[in-house]
Structures are given as structure tokens and as C-alpha cells.
């Protein structure tokens, strides 16, 4: 199963740019699809309300995986799993 990694961003967010650059090779190497969503321009206004003050946020298969910082090894382990990521217990 190919995982989908979604990076939630906002225009002008330097950390978002840094994390995007970090995610590109990780997703490519793991065969995951990377999507980028600007919370201020998304069709879902609740995204900005829910995530806007703690960007960047990384979702895997729609569940929150990490916020502000991404641990490469942790993300790669998640992406190596066969099942959809359901979030942390």
C-alpha cells in the first residue's frame, strides 16, 4: 500500500519550507505520495482553525504524524508499514 503524506503549510512559513525539503527525499525513497496543503487556501476552513497555530504539521494517511519537527527514522518506519497510519495511541 502506498501511503499519502500531507504537509500542512501556510505562506511565509519558513519551517514549512524546511520540512517540505526534508520530506521530498523521504517520501520518494519510501514510495509515498507527498501532498502540500496551504491551510489558509484549502477548501476546508477548519484546517486553519485546527492546525494554524502549530504549522508545519505532517499527516500520514490523513492522521497527524508530527508537528513542527519530523523525525526521519520515525516517519520512514511509519511509511514502511503495510497498513494505513491511524495516528499515535
PDB file of N, CA and C in Angstrom:
ATOM      1  N   UNK A   1       0.835  -1.187   0.000  1.00  0.00           N
ATOM      2  CA  UNK A   1       0.000   0.000   0.000  1.00  0.00           C
ATOM      3  C   UNK A   1       0.877   1.247   0.000  1.00  0.00           C
ATOM      4  N   UNK A   2       0.593   2.167  -0.883  1.00  0.00           N
ATOM      5  CA  UNK A   2       1.330   3.431  -0.909  1.00  0.00           C
ATOM      6  C   UNK A   2       0.672   4.399   0.059  1.00  0.00           C
ATOM      7  N   UNK A   3       1.474   4.972   0.916  1.00  0.00           N
ATOM      8  CA  UNK A   3       0.975   5.941   1.891  1.00  0.00           C
ATOM      9  C   UNK A   3       0.916   7.322   1.260  1.00  0.00           C
ATOM     10  N   UNK A   4       0.060   8.159   1.805  1.00  0.00           N
ATOM     11  CA  UNK A   4      -0.024   9.557   1.405  1.00  0.00           C
ATOM     12  C   UNK A   4       0.430  10.412   2.574  1.00  0.00           C
ATOM     13  N   UNK A   5       1.423  11.248   2.314  1.00  0.00           N
ATOM     14  CA  UNK A   5       1.926  12.191   3.308  1.00  0.00           C
ATOM     15  C   UNK A   5       1.426  13.571   2.903  1.00  0.00           C
ATOM     16  N   UNK A   6       0.769  14.238   3.832  1.00  0.00           N
ATOM     17  CA  UNK A   6       0.251  15.582   3.574  1.00  0.00           C
ATOM     18  C   UNK A   6       0.965  16.551   4.497  1.00  0.00           C
ATOM     19  N   UNK A   7       1.570  17.565   3.902  1.00  0.00           N
ATOM     20  CA  UNK A   7       2.214  18.617   4.670  1.00  0.00           C
ATOM     21  C   UNK A   7       1.274  19.810   4.707  1.00  0.00           C
ATOM     22  N   UNK A   8       0.856  20.181   5.897  1.00  0.00           N
ATOM     23  CA  UNK A   8       0.005  21.358   6.086  1.00  0.00           C
ATOM     24  C   UNK A   8       0.912  22.559   6.302  1.00  0.00           C
ATOM     25  N   UNK A   9       0.715  23.588   5.487  1.00  0.00           N
ATOM     26  CA  UNK A   9       1.600  24.748   5.485  1.00  0.00           C
ATOM     27  C   UNK A   9       0.800  26.038   5.504  1.00  0.00           C
ATOM     28  N   UNK A  10       1.550  27.115   5.472  1.00  0.00           N
ATOM     29  CA  UNK A  10       0.986  28.466   5.345  1.00  0.00           C
ATOM     30  C   UNK A  10       2.031  29.299   4.603  1.00  0.00           C
ATOM     31  N   UNK A  11       1.583  30.169   3.745  1.00  0.00           N
ATOM     32  CA  UNK A  11       2.503  31.036   3.016  1.00  0.00           C
ATOM     33  C   UNK A  11       3.338  31.853   3.996  1.00  0.00           C
ATOM     34  N   UNK A  12       4.628  31.956   3.722  1.00  0.00           N
ATOM     35  CA  UNK A  12       5.528  32.722   4.577  1.00  0.00           C
ATOM     36  C   UNK A  12       6.072  31.953   5.759  1.00  0.00           C
ATOM     37  N   UNK A  13       5.788  30.679   5.850  1.00  0.00           N
ATOM     38  CA  UNK A  13       6.247  29.846   6.969  1.00  0.00           C
ATOM     39  C   UNK A  13       7.594  29.213   6.605  1.00  0.00           C
ATOM     40  N   UNK A  14       8.663  29.719   7.190  1.00  0.00           N
ATOM     41  CA  UNK A  14      10.000  29.199   6.915  1.00  0.00           C
ATOM     42  C   UNK A  14      10.174  27.760   7.344  1.00  0.00           C
ATOM     43  N   UNK A  15       9.588  27.389   8.467  1.00  0.00           N
ATOM     44  CA  UNK A  15       9.678  25.998   8.922  1.00  0.00           C
ATOM     45  C   UNK A  15       8.958  25.063   7.958  1.00  0.00           C
ATOM     46  N   UNK A  16       7.885  25.542   7.355  1.00  0.00           N
ATOM     47  CA  UNK A  16       7.144  24.733   6.384  1.00  0.00           C
ATOM     48  C   UNK A  16       8.019  24.439   5.165  1.00  0.00           C
ATOM     49  N   UNK A  17       8.764  25.429   4.712  1.00  0.00           N
ATOM     50  CA  UNK A  17       9.670  25.250   3.571  1.00  0.00           C
ATOM     51  C   UNK A  17      10.755  24.238   3.933  1.00  0.00           C
ATOM     52  N   UNK A  18      11.312  24.352   5.135  1.00  0.00           N
ATOM     53  CA  UNK A  18      12.366  23.438   5.584  1.00  0.00           C
ATOM     54  C   UNK A  18      11.852  22.002   5.647  1.00  0.00           C
ATOM     55  N   UNK A  19      10.670  21.808   6.239  1.00  0.00           N
ATOM     56  CA  UNK A  19      10.114  20.461   6.371  1.00  0.00           C
ATOM     57  C   UNK A  19       9.744  19.898   4.998  1.00  0.00           C
ATOM     58  N   UNK A  20       9.259  20.730   4.097  1.00  0.00           N
ATOM     59  CA  UNK A  20       8.955  20.261   2.740  1.00  0.00           C
ATOM     60  C   UNK A  20      10.215  19.693   2.090  1.00  0.00           C
ATOM     61  N   UNK A  21      11.319  20.407   2.201  1.00  0.00           N
ATOM     62  CA  UNK A  21      12.586  19.924   1.660  1.00  0.00           C
ATOM     63  C   UNK A  21      13.047  18.630   2.314  1.00  0.00           C
ATOM     64  N   UNK A  22      12.756  18.469   3.566  1.00  0.00           N
ATOM     65  CA  UNK A  22      13.103  17.247   4.301  1.00  0.00           C
ATOM     66  C   UNK A  22      12.240  16.070   3.831  1.00  0.00           C
ATOM     67  N   UNK A  23      10.963  16.336   3.582  1.00  0.00           N
ATOM     68  CA  UNK A  23      10.030  15.274   3.211  1.00  0.00           C
ATOM     69  C   UNK A  23      10.225  14.756   1.788  1.00  0.00           C
ATOM     70  N   UNK A  24      10.645  15.615   0.871  1.00  0.00           N
ATOM     71  CA  UNK A  24      10.767  15.211  -0.529  1.00  0.00           C
ATOM     72  C   UNK A  24      11.564  13.916  -0.706  1.00  0.00           C
ATOM     73  N   UNK A  25      12.810  13.836  -0.244  1.00  0.00           N
ATOM     74  CA  UNK A  25      13.559  12.594  -0.460  1.00  0.00           C
ATOM     75  C   UNK A  25      13.030  11.425   0.366  1.00  0.00           C
ATOM     76  N   UNK A  26      12.477  11.696   1.551  1.00  0.00           N
ATOM     77  CA  UNK A  26      11.942  10.617   2.376  1.00  0.00           C
ATOM     78  C   UNK A  26      10.752   9.948   1.692  1.00  0.00           C
ATOM     79  N   UNK A  27       9.837  10.756   1.184  1.00  0.00           N
ATOM     80  CA  UNK A  27       8.654  10.213   0.520  1.00  0.00           C
ATOM     81  C   UNK A  27       9.036   9.513  -0.775  1.00  0.00           C
ATOM     82  N   UNK A  28       9.937  10.113  -1.517  1.00  0.00           N
ATOM     83  CA  UNK A  28      10.367   9.496  -2.771  1.00  0.00           C
ATOM     84  C   UNK A  28      11.005   8.133  -2.503  1.00  0.00           C
ATOM     85  N   UNK A  29      11.873   8.067  -1.518  1.00  0.00           N
ATOM     86  CA  UNK A  29      12.541   6.811  -1.191  1.00  0.00           C
ATOM     87  C   UNK A  29      11.600   5.744  -0.671  1.00  0.00           C
ATOM     88  N   UNK A  30      10.523   6.162  -0.024  1.00  0.00           N
ATOM     89  CA  UNK A  30       9.571   5.208   0.553  1.00  0.00           C
ATOM     90  C   UNK A  30       8.411   4.902  -0.398  1.00  0.00           C
ATOM     91  N   UNK A  31       8.378   5.573  -1.541  1.00  0.00           N
ATOM     92  CA  UNK A  31       7.289   5.347  -2.479  1.00  0.00           C
ATOM     93  C   UNK A  31       5.971   5.944  -2.031  1.00  0.00           C
ATOM     94  N   UNK A  32       6.035   6.953  -1.192  1.00  0.00           N
ATOM     95  CA  UNK A  32       4.825   7.614  -0.689  1.00  0.00           C
ATOM     96  C   UNK A  32       4.517   8.838  -1.536  1.00  0.00           C
ATOM     97  N   UNK A  33       3.249   9.162  -1.630  1.00  0.00           N
ATOM     98  CA  UNK A  33       2.826  10.371  -2.336  1.00  0.00           C
ATOM     99  C   UNK A  33       2.859  11.546  -1.364  1.00  0.00           C
ATOM    100  N   UNK A  34       3.458  12.644  -1.785  1.00  0.00           N
ATOM    101  CA  UNK A  34       3.529  13.849  -0.958  1.00  0.00           C
ATOM    102  C   UNK A  34       2.580  14.901  -1.511  1.00  0.00           C
ATOM    103  N   UNK A  35       1.707  15.386  -0.647  1.00  0.00           N
ATOM    104  CA  UNK A  35       0.789  16.466  -0.985  1.00  0.00           C
ATOM    105  C   UNK A  35       1.074  17.629  -0.054  1.00  0.00           C
ATOM    106  N   UNK A  36       0.910  18.839  -0.549  1.00  0.00           N
ATOM    107  CA  UNK A  36       1.092  20.043   0.258  1.00  0.00           C
ATOM    108  C   UNK A  36      -0.211  20.816   0.250  1.00  0.00           C
ATOM    109  N   UNK A  37      -0.691  21.175   1.436  1.00  0.00           N
ATOM    110  CA  UNK A  37      -1.944  21.914   1.567  1.00  0.00           C
ATOM    111  C   UNK A  37      -1.698  23.177   2.384  1.00  0.00           C
ATOM    112  N   UNK A  38      -1.989  24.315   1.793  1.00  0.00           N
ATOM    113  CA  UNK A  38      -1.939  25.599   2.494  1.00  0.00           C
ATOM    114  C   UNK A  38      -3.244  25.719   3.267  1.00  0.00           C
ATOM    115  N   UNK A  39      -3.169  25.749   4.584  1.00  0.00           N
ATOM    116  CA  UNK A  39      -4.387  25.739   5.409  1.00  0.00           C
ATOM    117  C   UNK A  39      -5.248  26.984   5.196  1.00  0.00           C
ATOM    118  N   UNK A  40      -4.638  28.072   4.739  1.00  0.00           N
ATOM    119  CA  UNK A  40      -5.392  29.293   4.516  1.00  0.00           C
ATOM    120  C   UNK A  40      -6.103  29.306   3.161  1.00  0.00           C
ATOM    121  N   UNK A  41      -5.710  28.402   2.278  1.00  0.00           N
ATOM    122  CA  UNK A  41      -6.300  28.363   0.937  1.00  0.00           C
ATOM    123  C   UNK A  41      -7.053  27.063   0.671  1.00  0.00           C
ATOM    124  N   UNK A  42      -7.137  26.217   1.656  1.00  0.00           N
ATOM    125  CA  UNK A  42      -7.807  24.926   1.486  1.00  0.00           C
ATOM    126  C   UNK A  42      -9.316  25.102   1.415  1.00  0.00           C
ATOM    127  N   UNK A  43      -9.968  24.121   0.828  1.00  0.00           N
ATOM    128  CA  UNK A  43     -11.428  24.138   0.744  1.00  0.00           C
ATOM    129  C   UNK A  43     -12.070  23.945   2.110  1.00  0.00           C
ATOM    130  N   UNK A  44     -11.300  23.457   3.064  1.00  0.00           N
ATOM    131  CA  UNK A  44     -11.815  23.174   4.405  1.00  0.00           C
ATOM    132  C   UNK A  44     -11.339  24.262   5.371  1.00  0.00           C
ATOM    133  N   UNK A  45     -12.203  25.214   5.743  1.00  0.00           N
ATOM    134  CA  UNK A  45     -11.786  26.306   6.635  1.00  0.00           C
ATOM    135  C   UNK A  45     -11.412  25.822   8.038  1.00  0.00           C
ATOM    136  N   UNK A  46     -11.838  24.626   8.401  1.00  0.00           N
ATOM    137  CA  UNK A  46     -11.496  24.099   9.717  1.00  0.00           C
ATOM    138  C   UNK A  46     -10.014  23.765   9.843  1.00  0.00           C
ATOM    139  N   UNK A  47      -9.333  23.550   8.714  1.00  0.00           N
ATOM    140  CA  UNK A  47      -7.898  23.250   8.767  1.00  0.00           C
ATOM    141  C   UNK A  47      -7.117  24.385   9.414  1.00  0.00           C
ATOM    142  N   UNK A  48      -7.389  25.613   9.011  1.00  0.00           N
ATOM    143  CA  UNK A  48      -6.683  26.761   9.580  1.00  0.00           C
ATOM    144  C   UNK A  48      -6.991  26.898  11.064  1.00  0.00           C
ATOM    145  N   UNK A  49      -8.231  26.652  11.435  1.00  0.00           N
ATOM    146  CA  UNK A  49      -8.609  26.754  12.845  1.00  0.00           C
ATOM    147  C   UNK A  49      -7.943  25.664  13.679  1.00  0.00           C
ATOM    148  N   UNK A  50      -7.865  24.452  13.133  1.00  0.00           N
ATOM    149  CA  UNK A  50      -7.322  23.337  13.896  1.00  0.00           C
ATOM    150  C   UNK A  50      -5.799  23.321  13.946  1.00  0.00           C
ATOM    151  N   UNK A  51      -5.150  23.642  12.839  1.00  0.00           N
ATOM    152  CA  UNK A  51      -3.699  23.472  12.744  1.00  0.00           C
ATOM    153  C   UNK A  51      -2.919  24.773  12.598  1.00  0.00           C
ATOM    154  N   UNK A  52      -3.589  25.875  12.374  1.00  0.00           N
ATOM    155  CA  UNK A  52      -2.937  27.120  12.002  1.00  0.00           C
ATOM    156  C   UNK A  52      -1.881  27.655  12.941  1.00  0.00           C
ATOM    157  N   UNK A  53      -2.001  27.376  14.226  1.00  0.00           N
ATOM    158  CA  UNK A  53      -1.022  27.933  15.175  1.00  0.00           C
ATOM    159  C   UNK A  53       0.137  26.986  15.455  1.00  0.00           C
ATOM    160  N   UNK A  54       0.189  25.835  14.786  1.00  0.00           N
ATOM    161  CA  UNK A  54       1.287  24.899  15.059  1.00  0.00           C
ATOM    162  C   UNK A  54       1.840  24.263  13.792  1.00  0.00           C
ATOM    163  N   UNK A  55       1.906  25.044  12.744  1.00  0.00           N
ATOM    164  CA  UNK A  55       2.434  24.562  11.469  1.00  0.00           C
ATOM    165  C   UNK A  55       3.957  24.557  11.473  1.00  0.00           C
ATOM    166  N   UNK A  56       4.575  23.699  10.719  1.00  0.00           N
ATOM    167  CA  UNK A  56       4.019  22.710   9.820  1.00  0.00           C
ATOM    168  C   UNK A  56       3.542  21.459  10.556  1.00  0.00           C
ATOM    169  N   UNK A  57       2.532  20.832   9.984  1.00  0.00           N
ATOM    170  CA  UNK A  57       2.001  19.573  10.501  1.00  0.00           C
ATOM    171  C   UNK A  57       2.087  18.547   9.377  1.00  0.00           C
ATOM    172  N   UNK A  58       2.498  17.329   9.735  1.00  0.00           N
ATOM    173  CA  UNK A  58       2.581  16.242   8.768  1.00  0.00           C
ATOM    174  C   UNK A  58       1.503  15.216   9.096  1.00  0.00           C
ATOM    175  N   UNK A  59       0.673  14.925   8.102  1.00  0.00           N
ATOM    176  CA  UNK A  59      -0.330  13.885   8.215  1.00  0.00           C
ATOM    177  C   UNK A  59       0.127  12.698   7.368  1.00  0.00           C
ATOM    178  N   UNK A  60      -0.097  11.501   7.856  1.00  0.00           N
ATOM    179  CA  UNK A  60       0.139  10.296   7.064  1.00  0.00           C
ATOM    180  C   UNK A  60      -1.206   9.582   6.967  1.00  0.00           C
ATOM    181  N   UNK A  61      -1.644   9.383   5.754  1.00  0.00           N
ATOM    182  CA  UNK A  61      -2.939   8.737   5.501  1.00  0.00           C
ATOM    183  C   UNK A  61      -4.071   9.454   6.237  1.00  0.00           C
ATOM    184  N   UNK A  62      -3.939  10.767   6.375  1.00  0.00           N
ATOM    185  CA  UNK A  62      -4.983  11.584   6.984  1.00  0.00           C
ATOM    186  C   UNK A  62      -4.908  11.734   8.489  1.00  0.00           C
ATOM    187  N   UNK A  63      -3.984  11.012   9.144  1.00  0.00           N
ATOM    188  CA  UNK A  63      -3.836  11.098  10.605  1.00  0.00           C
ATOM    189  C   UNK A  63      -2.567  11.886  10.945  1.00  0.00           C
ATOM    190  N   UNK A  64      -2.650  12.698  11.995  1.00  0.00           N
ATOM    191  CA  UNK A  64      -1.495  13.513  12.373  1.00  0.00           C
ATOM    192  C   UNK A  64      -0.327  12.632  12.808  1.00  0.00           C
ATOM    193  N   UNK A  65       0.806  12.877  12.184  1.00  0.00           N
ATOM    194  CA  UNK A  65       2.026  12.120  12.479  1.00  0.00           C
ATOM    195  C   UNK A  65       3.010  12.974  13.271  1.00  0.00           C
ATOM    196  N   UNK A  66       3.219  14.213  12.846  1.00  0.00           N
ATOM    197  CA  UNK A  66       4.185  15.063  13.532  1.00  0.00           C
ATOM    198  C   UNK A  66       3.842  16.532  13.336  1.00  0.00           C
ATOM    199  N   UNK A  67       4.412  17.325  14.217  1.00  0.00           N
ATOM    200  CA  UNK A  67       4.149  18.760  14.230  1.00  0.00           C
ATOM    201  C   UNK A  67       5.469  19.484  14.487  1.00  0.00           C
ATOM    202  N   UNK A  68       5.732  20.537  13.753  1.00  0.00           N
ATOM    203  CA  UNK A  68       6.928  21.369  13.838  1.00  0.00           C
ATOM    204  C   UNK A  68       8.188  20.668  13.360  1.00  0.00           C
ATOM    205  N   UNK A  69       8.493  19.505  13.897  1.00  0.00           N
ATOM    206  CA  UNK A  69       9.708  18.768  13.546  1.00  0.00           C
ATOM    207  C   UNK A  69       9.337  17.373  13.061  1.00  0.00           C
ATOM    208  N   UNK A  70      10.139  16.832  12.158  1.00  0.00           N
ATOM    209  CA  UNK A  70       9.918  15.479  11.650  1.00  0.00           C
ATOM    210  C   UNK A  70      11.144  14.645  11.972  1.00  0.00           C
ATOM    211  N   UNK A  71      10.924  13.519  12.627  1.00  0.00           N
ATOM    212  CA  UNK A  71      11.989  12.557  12.884  1.00  0.00           C
ATOM    213  C   UNK A  71      12.048  11.627  11.669  1.00  0.00           C
ATOM    214  N   UNK A  72      13.150  11.693  10.920  1.00  0.00           N
ATOM    215  CA  UNK A  72      13.269  10.909   9.686  1.00  0.00           C
ATOM    216  C   UNK A  72      13.033   9.424   9.924  1.00  0.00           C
ATOM    217  N   UNK A  73      13.691   8.860  10.929  1.00  0.00           N
ATOM    218  CA  UNK A  73      13.581   7.420  11.186  1.00  0.00           C
ATOM    219  C   UNK A  73      12.156   7.028  11.561  1.00  0.00           C
ATOM    220  N   UNK A  74      11.508   7.851  12.346  1.00  0.00           N
ATOM    221  CA  UNK A  74      10.128   7.575  12.764  1.00  0.00           C
ATOM    222  C   UNK A  74       9.177   7.607  11.562  1.00  0.00           C
ATOM    223  N   UNK A  75       9.342   8.604  10.713  1.00  0.00           N
ATOM    224  CA  UNK A  75       8.490   8.697   9.528  1.00  0.00           C
ATOM    225  C   UNK A  75       8.748   7.530   8.585  1.00  0.00           C
ATOM    226  N   UNK A  76      10.007   7.189   8.361  1.00  0.00           N
ATOM    227  CA  UNK A  76      10.320   6.073   7.469  1.00  0.00           C
ATOM    228  C   UNK A  76       9.760   4.757   8.001  1.00  0.00           C
ATOM    229  N   UNK A  77       9.794   4.564   9.313  1.00  0.00           N
ATOM    230  CA  UNK A  77       9.225   3.348   9.903  1.00  0.00           C
ATOM    231  C   UNK A  77       7.716   3.305   9.660  1.00  0.00           C
ATOM    232  N   UNK A  78       7.058   4.442   9.794  1.00  0.00           N
ATOM    233  CA  UNK A  78       5.619   4.512   9.530  1.00  0.00           C
ATOM    234  C   UNK A  78       5.326   4.204   8.068  1.00  0.00           C
ATOM    235  N   UNK A  79       6.118   4.778   7.179  1.00  0.00           N
ATOM    236  CA  UNK A  79       5.893   4.583   5.748  1.00  0.00           C
ATOM    237  C   UNK A  79       6.234   3.165   5.300  1.00  0.00           C
ATOM    238  N   UNK A  80       7.043   2.455   6.071  1.00  0.00           N
ATOM    239  CA  UNK A  80       7.387   1.072   5.743  1.00  0.00           C
ATOM    240  C   UNK A  80       6.269   0.104   6.135  1.00  0.00           C
ATOM    241  N   UNK A  81       5.358   0.550   6.983  1.00  0.00           N
ATOM    242  CA  UNK A  81       4.261  -0.301   7.433  1.00  0.00           C
ATOM    243  C   UNK A  81       3.254  -0.549   6.322  1.00  0.00           C
ATOM    244  N   UNK A  82       2.666  -1.737   6.309  1.00  0.00           N
ATOM    245  CA  UNK A  82       1.714  -2.077   5.250  1.00  0.00           C
ATOM    246  C   UNK A  82       0.320  -1.493   5.445  1.00  0.00           C
ATOM    247  N   UNK A  83      -0.023  -1.142   6.654  1.00  0.00           N
ATOM    248  CA  UNK A  83      -1.369  -0.678   6.961  1.00  0.00           C
ATOM    249  C   UNK A  83      -1.444   0.842   6.952  1.00  0.00           C
ATOM    250  N   UNK A  84      -2.626   1.389   6.708  1.00  0.00           N
ATOM    251  CA  UNK A  84      -2.784   2.839   6.808  1.00  0.00           C
ATOM    252  C   UNK A  84      -2.440   3.311   8.227  1.00  0.00           C
ATOM    253  N   UNK A  85      -1.777   4.448   8.316  1.00  0.00           N
ATOM    254  CA  UNK A  85      -1.426   5.017   9.609  1.00  0.00           C
ATOM    255  C   UNK A  85      -2.692   5.581  10.243  1.00  0.00           C
ATOM    256  N   UNK A  86      -2.934   5.200  11.490  1.00  0.00           N
ATOM    257  CA  UNK A  86      -4.156   5.621  12.180  1.00  0.00           C
ATOM    258  C   UNK A  86      -3.879   6.609  13.301  1.00  0.00           C
ATOM    259  N   UNK A  87      -2.650   7.104  13.404  1.00  0.00           N
ATOM    260  CA  UNK A  87      -2.299   8.030  14.457  1.00  0.00           C
ATOM    261  C   UNK A  87      -1.622   7.318  15.605  1.00  0.00           C
ATOM    262  N   UNK A  88      -1.144   8.089  16.525  1.00  0.00           N
ATOM    263  CA  UNK A  88      -0.442   7.548  17.694  1.00  0.00           C
ATOM    264  C   UNK A  88      -1.455   7.197  18.766  1.00  0.00           C
ATOM    265  N   UNK A  89      -1.189   6.114  19.448  1.00  0.00           N
ATOM    266  CA  UNK A  89      -2.077   5.695  20.554  1.00  0.00           C
ATOM    267  C   UNK A  89      -1.822   6.521  21.780  1.00  0.00           C
TER     268      UNK A  89
END
